[in-house]
Amino acid sequence: MIAFLFRRLLVAALLVVFVSLISFSLVFASGNPAARLAGEGSAADAARLSQLHGFDDPILTQYGRWLAGVVRGDFGDSLYFSRPVAELLSQHFPATAKLGLAAMAFALLLAIPLGVLAGLRKGSLIDRATMMLSACAQAMPPFCLAFLLIIVFSVRNQWLPASGFDTWKHYVMPVVALGLFAMPAMLRLMKSEMEAVLATDYIRTARAMGLGGASVVGKYALRNALRPLVSLAAAQMGTLLAGSVVIETVFAINGAGLLAWTSILRGDFPTMQALILIFALIYIVLTLAADLINGWLDPRVRAAT
């Protein structure tokens, strides 16, 4: 277990360094950032901005200075909002976290029971209907579903608010649109894992010993089928947080996704750098946590300690 933990932590650390390099390098991907900041200004304006922001320094010096600030929690100041980026992140991330967690809960509430039913009734009408639902949900882009929900529930019937994130009614449409985006992959995995577990020798032995169907499914099959779902749910959670850019823009939710969209449009590279790094770090941490949980649950890993 110690060797397993060390390998995972080492991979995570290398990924963090790589992501920090990518986040920093994006500023220079489209040319001289000082020239972009100067806009229609003169070369003298670009030179002044370059000196002000330290773009004249060697790349490694700039990266070291930026990374030292990130370690201290200082991401610099936003060029568009004229405020510290860390302050913007603390203001906008709570809404994105609530949206992502609620969407993941909704996706799991659909994926687990439907996947179990489809696995138990392989080839049945329930199985085919579940797979059709999964295919339709995966084929529908989240922003298209978001606009359809707004048309049906806000424009025509006025049952739900079309923007904001203040009451539980504001959560319904964004959570459904984002949750259905994450649900298909988890549903199909749950179905395939249930089918595989139900075909194992120990499940057949448990049934031969007279254990009831509900006991076999709940106590043995479901617990083992859920283990691979932990890793996928962690990856999907990172995807949901990153995918909130579109949903938050459609529903005018003042979260990190809308902040990212505004920063991209306005060329606010300090905010973009911080958002890319934070989203990537969340994804890495969630994936690492899922690997550690699965490693702890896997008897082969525990036996190697």
Protein backbone atom coordinates (compact mmCIF):
# COMPACT_ATOMS: atom_id res chain seq x y z
CA MET A 1 0.00 0.00 0.00
CA ILE A 2 2.87 2.38 0.78
CA ALA A 3 4.47 1.77 -2.62
CA PHE A 4 1.09 2.23 -4.31
CA LEU A 5 0.55 5.53 -2.44
CA PHE A 6 4.06 6.75 -3.29
CA ARG A 7 3.60 6.04 -7.01
CA ARG A 8 0.27 7.85 -7.13
CA LEU A 9 1.62 10.87 -5.26
CA LEU A 10 4.66 11.03 -7.53
CA VAL A 11 2.49 10.96 -10.66
CA ALA A 12 0.22 13.63 -9.19
CA ALA A 13 3.20 15.88 -8.36
CA LEU A 14 4.58 15.55 -11.89
CA LEU A 15 1.17 16.37 -13.33
CA VAL A 16 0.92 19.48 -11.16
CA VAL A 17 4.30 20.72 -12.44
CA PHE A 18 3.30 19.98 -16.03
CA VAL A 19 -0.06 21.76 -15.65
CA SER A 20 1.61 24.80 -14.10
CA LEU A 21 3.96 25.00 -17.09
CA ILE A 22 1.04 24.76 -19.52
CA SER A 23 -0.98 27.36 -17.62
CA PHE A 24 1.93 29.80 -17.61
CA SER A 25 2.85 29.18 -21.27
CA LEU A 26 -0.67 29.89 -22.55
CA VAL A 27 -0.03 33.60 -22.06
CA PHE A 28 2.64 33.52 -24.75
CA ALA A 29 0.85 31.11 -27.10
CA SER A 30 -0.57 33.86 -29.32
CA GLY A 31 2.40 36.20 -29.40
CA ASN A 32 3.64 39.05 -27.27
CA PRO A 33 1.17 39.61 -24.39
CA ALA A 34 2.29 43.23 -24.02
CA ALA A 35 1.28 43.94 -27.64
CA ARG A 36 -2.15 42.43 -26.97
CA LEU A 37 -2.57 44.52 -23.86
CA ALA A 38 -1.56 47.67 -25.72
CA GLY A 39 -4.18 47.00 -28.41
CA GLU A 40 -4.23 49.89 -30.84
CA GLY A 41 -1.57 51.71 -28.85
CA SER A 42 1.92 52.51 -30.01
CA ALA A 43 5.06 50.45 -29.73
CA ALA A 44 6.05 52.67 -26.82
CA ASP A 45 2.88 51.63 -24.95
CA ALA A 46 3.68 47.97 -25.59
CA ALA A 47 7.24 48.45 -24.35
CA ARG A 48 5.99 50.20 -21.20
CA LEU A 49 3.49 47.38 -20.47
CA SER A 50 6.15 44.77 -21.17
CA GLN A 51 8.45 46.36 -18.61
CA LEU A 52 5.60 46.86 -16.12
CA HIS A 53 4.54 43.20 -16.18
CA GLY A 54 8.07 41.81 -16.44
CA PHE A 55 7.70 40.33 -19.91
CA ASP A 56 11.25 41.47 -20.72
CA ASP A 57 12.68 39.03 -18.18
CA PRO A 58 13.80 35.53 -19.19
CA ILE A 59 11.00 32.99 -19.42
CA LEU A 60 12.32 30.88 -16.54
CA THR A 61 12.54 33.97 -14.33
CA GLN A 62 8.93 34.88 -15.15
CA TYR A 63 7.78 31.31 -14.50
CA GLY A 64 9.60 31.14 -11.17
CA ARG A 65 8.13 34.48 -10.09
CA TRP A 66 4.62 33.42 -11.11
CA LEU A 67 4.94 29.99 -9.45
CA ALA A 68 6.23 31.53 -6.21
CA GLY A 69 3.18 33.76 -6.15
CA VAL A 70 0.86 30.82 -6.82
CA VAL A 71 2.35 28.88 -3.90
CA ARG A 72 1.56 31.87 -1.67
CA GLY A 73 -1.96 32.09 -3.08
CA ASP A 74 -1.14 35.21 -5.09
CA PHE A 75 -2.26 34.88 -8.72
CA GLY A 76 -1.69 38.54 -9.52
CA ASP A 77 -4.28 41.16 -10.39
CA SER A 78 -7.01 40.86 -12.98
CA LEU A 79 -6.43 43.10 -15.99
CA TYR A 80 -10.16 43.47 -16.67
CA PHE A 81 -11.69 43.55 -13.18
CA SER A 82 -8.73 45.42 -11.58
CA ARG A 83 -8.95 43.20 -8.52
CA PRO A 84 -6.77 40.41 -7.10
CA VAL A 85 -7.43 37.16 -8.95
CA ALA A 86 -7.53 35.22 -5.65
CA GLU A 87 -10.41 37.45 -4.53
CA LEU A 88 -12.29 36.76 -7.77
CA LEU A 89 -11.78 33.02 -7.34
CA SER A 90 -13.07 33.04 -3.77
CA GLN A 91 -16.12 34.97 -4.92
CA HIS A 92 -17.01 32.86 -7.98
CA PHE A 93 -15.95 29.30 -7.11
CA PRO A 94 -18.65 28.53 -4.48
CA ALA A 95 -21.43 28.72 -7.09
CA THR A 96 -19.49 26.44 -9.45
CA ALA A 97 -18.78 23.94 -6.67
CA LYS A 98 -22.47 23.84 -5.69
CA LEU A 99 -23.51 23.37 -9.30
CA GLY A 100 -20.95 20.61 -9.90
CA LEU A 101 -21.79 18.70 -6.72
CA ALA A 102 -25.53 18.93 -7.33
CA ALA A 103 -25.13 17.81 -10.95
CA MET A 104 -22.95 14.86 -9.89
CA ALA A 105 -25.49 13.82 -7.25
CA PHE A 106 -28.27 13.98 -9.86
CA ALA A 107 -26.20 11.96 -12.34
CA LEU A 108 -25.40 9.28 -9.75
CA LEU A 109 -29.03 9.08 -8.62
CA LEU A 110 -29.92 8.22 -12.20
CA ALA A 111 -26.91 6.14 -13.20
CA ILE A 112 -26.69 3.74 -10.25
CA PRO A 113 -30.29 2.45 -10.02
CA LEU A 114 -30.80 2.42 -13.80
CA GLY A 115 -27.46 0.68 -14.32
CA VAL A 116 -28.31 -1.93 -11.69
CA LEU A 117 -31.73 -2.58 -13.24
CA ALA A 118 -30.24 -2.86 -16.73
CA GLY A 119 -27.56 -5.24 -15.46
CA LEU A 120 -30.09 -7.42 -13.68
CA ARG A 121 -32.46 -7.51 -16.67
CA LYS A 122 -30.00 -7.93 -19.51
CA GLY A 123 -31.75 -7.89 -22.90
CA SER A 124 -35.09 -6.84 -21.40
CA LEU A 125 -37.23 -3.82 -22.21
CA ILE A 126 -35.75 -2.03 -19.19
CA ASP A 127 -32.25 -2.67 -20.51
CA ARG A 128 -33.07 -1.35 -23.99
CA ALA A 129 -34.93 1.70 -22.64
CA THR A 130 -32.03 2.51 -20.33
CA MET A 131 -29.49 2.28 -23.12
CA MET A 132 -31.68 4.47 -25.34
CA LEU A 133 -31.87 7.07 -22.57
CA SER A 134 -28.08 6.94 -22.23
CA ALA A 135 -27.57 7.38 -25.98
CA CYS A 136 -30.00 10.32 -26.16
CA ALA A 137 -28.41 12.05 -23.17
CA GLN A 138 -24.92 11.65 -24.64
CA ALA A 139 -25.99 12.87 -28.08
CA MET A 140 -27.54 16.07 -26.67
CA PRO A 141 -24.96 18.82 -26.07
CA PRO A 142 -25.48 20.47 -22.67
CA PHE A 143 -26.03 23.94 -24.10
CA CYS A 144 -28.74 22.65 -26.48
CA LEU A 145 -30.52 20.92 -23.61
CA ALA A 146 -30.15 24.10 -21.53
CA PHE A 147 -31.86 26.21 -24.19
CA LEU A 148 -34.64 23.62 -24.59
CA LEU A 149 -35.26 23.61 -20.85
CA ILE A 150 -35.41 27.40 -20.80
CA ILE A 151 -37.91 27.45 -23.67
CA VAL A 152 -40.18 24.83 -22.08
CA PHE A 153 -39.98 25.67 -18.38
CA SER A 154 -39.26 29.42 -18.39
CA VAL A 155 -40.50 31.00 -21.62
CA ARG A 156 -43.65 29.01 -22.33
CA ASN A 157 -44.75 27.92 -18.87
CA GLN A 158 -42.81 30.22 -16.53
CA TRP A 159 -42.38 27.46 -13.95
CA LEU A 160 -38.68 27.98 -13.34
CA PRO A 161 -36.40 31.07 -13.45
CA ALA A 162 -34.14 31.26 -16.49
CA SER A 163 -31.16 32.90 -14.78
CA GLY A 164 -29.53 33.29 -11.41
CA PHE A 165 -28.63 30.84 -8.67
CA ASP A 166 -30.44 32.05 -5.55
CA THR A 167 -33.17 29.51 -4.70
CA TRP A 168 -33.68 25.79 -5.26
CA LYS A 169 -35.73 26.59 -8.37
CA HIS A 170 -32.66 28.21 -9.93
CA TYR A 171 -30.77 24.92 -9.49
CA VAL A 172 -33.19 22.68 -11.35
CA MET A 173 -32.44 23.40 -15.01
CA PRO A 174 -28.63 23.91 -14.71
CA VAL A 175 -28.30 20.74 -12.63
CA VAL A 176 -30.39 18.68 -15.08
CA ALA A 177 -28.53 20.01 -18.12
CA LEU A 178 -25.10 19.37 -16.59
CA GLY A 179 -26.01 16.14 -14.79
CA LEU A 180 -27.41 14.48 -17.91
CA PHE A 181 -24.09 15.23 -19.60
CA ALA A 182 -22.21 13.12 -17.01
CA MET A 183 -24.79 10.38 -16.55
CA PRO A 184 -24.42 8.16 -19.69
CA ALA A 185 -20.83 7.01 -19.12
CA MET A 186 -21.52 6.13 -15.48
CA LEU A 187 -24.76 4.34 -16.37
CA ARG A 188 -23.08 2.16 -18.98
CA LEU A 189 -20.20 1.37 -16.62
CA MET A 190 -22.62 0.45 -13.84
CA LYS A 191 -24.54 -1.83 -16.19
CA SER A 192 -21.45 -3.62 -17.50
CA GLU A 193 -19.96 -4.02 -14.00
CA MET A 194 -23.22 -5.47 -12.65
CA GLU A 195 -23.35 -7.96 -15.51
CA ALA A 196 -19.72 -8.95 -14.91
CA VAL A 197 -20.12 -9.30 -11.14
CA LEU A 198 -23.35 -11.30 -11.42
CA ALA A 199 -21.53 -13.79 -13.67
CA THR A 200 -18.72 -14.47 -11.16
CA ASP A 201 -18.34 -17.72 -9.22
CA TYR A 202 -18.88 -16.26 -5.75
CA ILE A 203 -22.28 -14.80 -6.77
CA ARG A 204 -23.34 -18.17 -8.15
CA THR A 205 -22.12 -19.79 -4.94
CA ALA A 206 -24.06 -17.32 -2.80
CA ARG A 207 -27.23 -18.06 -4.76
CA ALA A 208 -26.62 -21.80 -4.51
CA MET A 209 -26.38 -21.44 -0.72
CA GLY A 210 -29.91 -20.07 -0.70
CA LEU A 211 -29.27 -16.35 -0.29
CA GLY A 212 -32.09 -14.17 -1.60
CA GLY A 213 -31.76 -12.08 -4.74
CA ALA A 214 -31.96 -8.76 -2.90
CA SER A 215 -29.29 -9.87 -0.41
CA VAL A 216 -26.94 -11.04 -3.15
CA VAL A 217 -27.37 -7.86 -5.16
CA GLY A 218 -27.18 -5.41 -2.26
CA LYS A 219 -24.53 -7.05 -0.08
CA TYR A 220 -22.18 -8.56 -2.65
CA ALA A 221 -22.79 -7.56 -6.28
CA LEU A 222 -23.52 -3.85 -5.84
CA ARG A 223 -20.62 -3.22 -3.48
CA ASN A 224 -18.12 -4.70 -5.92
CA ALA A 225 -19.73 -3.11 -8.98
CA LEU A 226 -19.54 0.34 -7.41
CA ARG A 227 -15.75 0.31 -7.04
CA PRO A 228 -14.87 1.19 -10.66
CA LEU A 229 -17.54 3.90 -10.55
CA VAL A 230 -15.47 5.80 -7.98
CA SER A 231 -12.69 6.53 -10.50
CA LEU A 232 -15.11 7.47 -13.26
CA ALA A 233 -17.15 9.72 -10.95
CA ALA A 234 -13.97 11.56 -9.94
CA ALA A 235 -13.03 12.12 -13.57
CA GLN A 236 -16.57 13.17 -14.43
CA MET A 237 -16.61 15.62 -11.53
CA GLY A 238 -13.58 17.37 -12.95
CA THR A 239 -15.26 17.41 -16.34
CA LEU A 240 -18.43 18.88 -14.84
CA LEU A 241 -16.52 21.72 -13.19
CA ALA A 242 -14.73 22.54 -16.44
CA GLY A 243 -17.94 22.12 -18.45
CA SER A 244 -19.76 24.59 -16.24
CA VAL A 245 -18.36 27.38 -18.45
CA VAL A 246 -21.15 26.89 -21.00
CA ILE A 247 -23.95 26.19 -18.51
CA GLU A 248 -23.09 29.16 -16.30
CA THR A 249 -23.00 31.42 -19.36
CA VAL A 250 -26.42 30.21 -20.57
CA PHE A 251 -28.09 30.57 -17.17
CA ALA A 252 -26.15 33.71 -16.14
CA ILE A 253 -24.75 32.03 -13.02
CA ASN A 254 -22.03 34.13 -11.45
CA GLY A 255 -19.57 31.29 -11.03
CA ALA A 256 -16.06 30.36 -12.11
CA GLY A 257 -17.35 29.22 -15.51
CA LEU A 258 -18.80 32.63 -16.31
CA LEU A 259 -15.62 34.22 -14.97
CA ALA A 260 -13.56 32.05 -17.35
CA TRP A 261 -15.74 33.02 -20.30
CA THR A 262 -15.44 36.73 -19.48
CA SER A 263 -11.67 36.44 -19.02
CA ILE A 264 -11.27 34.73 -22.40
CA LEU A 265 -13.30 37.41 -24.16
CA ARG A 266 -11.42 40.25 -22.46
CA GLY A 267 -7.93 38.78 -22.73
CA ASP A 268 -7.53 38.74 -18.95
CA PHE A 269 -4.60 36.30 -18.92
CA PRO A 270 -3.83 36.35 -15.14
CA THR A 271 -7.38 35.18 -14.43
CA MET A 272 -7.24 32.61 -17.24
CA GLN A 273 -3.95 31.24 -15.89
CA ALA A 274 -5.39 30.85 -12.41
CA LEU A 275 -8.62 29.23 -13.60
CA ILE A 276 -6.83 26.71 -15.84
CA LEU A 277 -4.49 25.79 -13.00
CA ILE A 278 -7.27 25.49 -10.40
CA PHE A 279 -9.54 23.39 -12.64
CA ALA A 280 -6.63 21.09 -13.50
CA LEU A 281 -5.58 20.77 -9.84
CA ILE A 282 -9.13 19.84 -8.82
CA TYR A 283 -9.19 17.17 -11.53
CA ILE A 284 -5.82 15.77 -10.40
CA VAL A 285 -6.79 15.75 -6.71
CA LEU A 286 -10.13 14.03 -7.40
CA THR A 287 -8.47 11.40 -9.59
CA LEU A 288 -5.76 10.80 -6.97
CA ALA A 289 -8.36 10.44 -4.23
CA ALA A 290 -10.34 7.96 -6.33
CA ASP A 291 -7.18 5.91 -7.03
CA LEU A 292 -6.33 5.82 -3.34
CA ILE A 293 -9.85 4.75 -2.38
CA ASN A 294 -9.85 2.01 -5.00
CA GLY A 295 -6.39 0.91 -3.90
CA TRP A 296 -7.52 0.70 -0.31
CA LEU A 297 -10.63 -1.26 -1.31
CA ASP A 298 -8.69 -3.64 -3.56
CA PRO A 299 -7.64 -6.66 -1.48
CA ARG A 300 -4.68 -7.31 -3.80
CA VAL A 301 -3.21 -3.87 -2.98
CA ARG A 302 -3.84 -4.29 0.75
CA ALA A 303 -2.24 -7.74 0.67
CA ALA A 304 0.92 -6.27 -0.86
CA THR A 305 1.51 -4.00 2.15
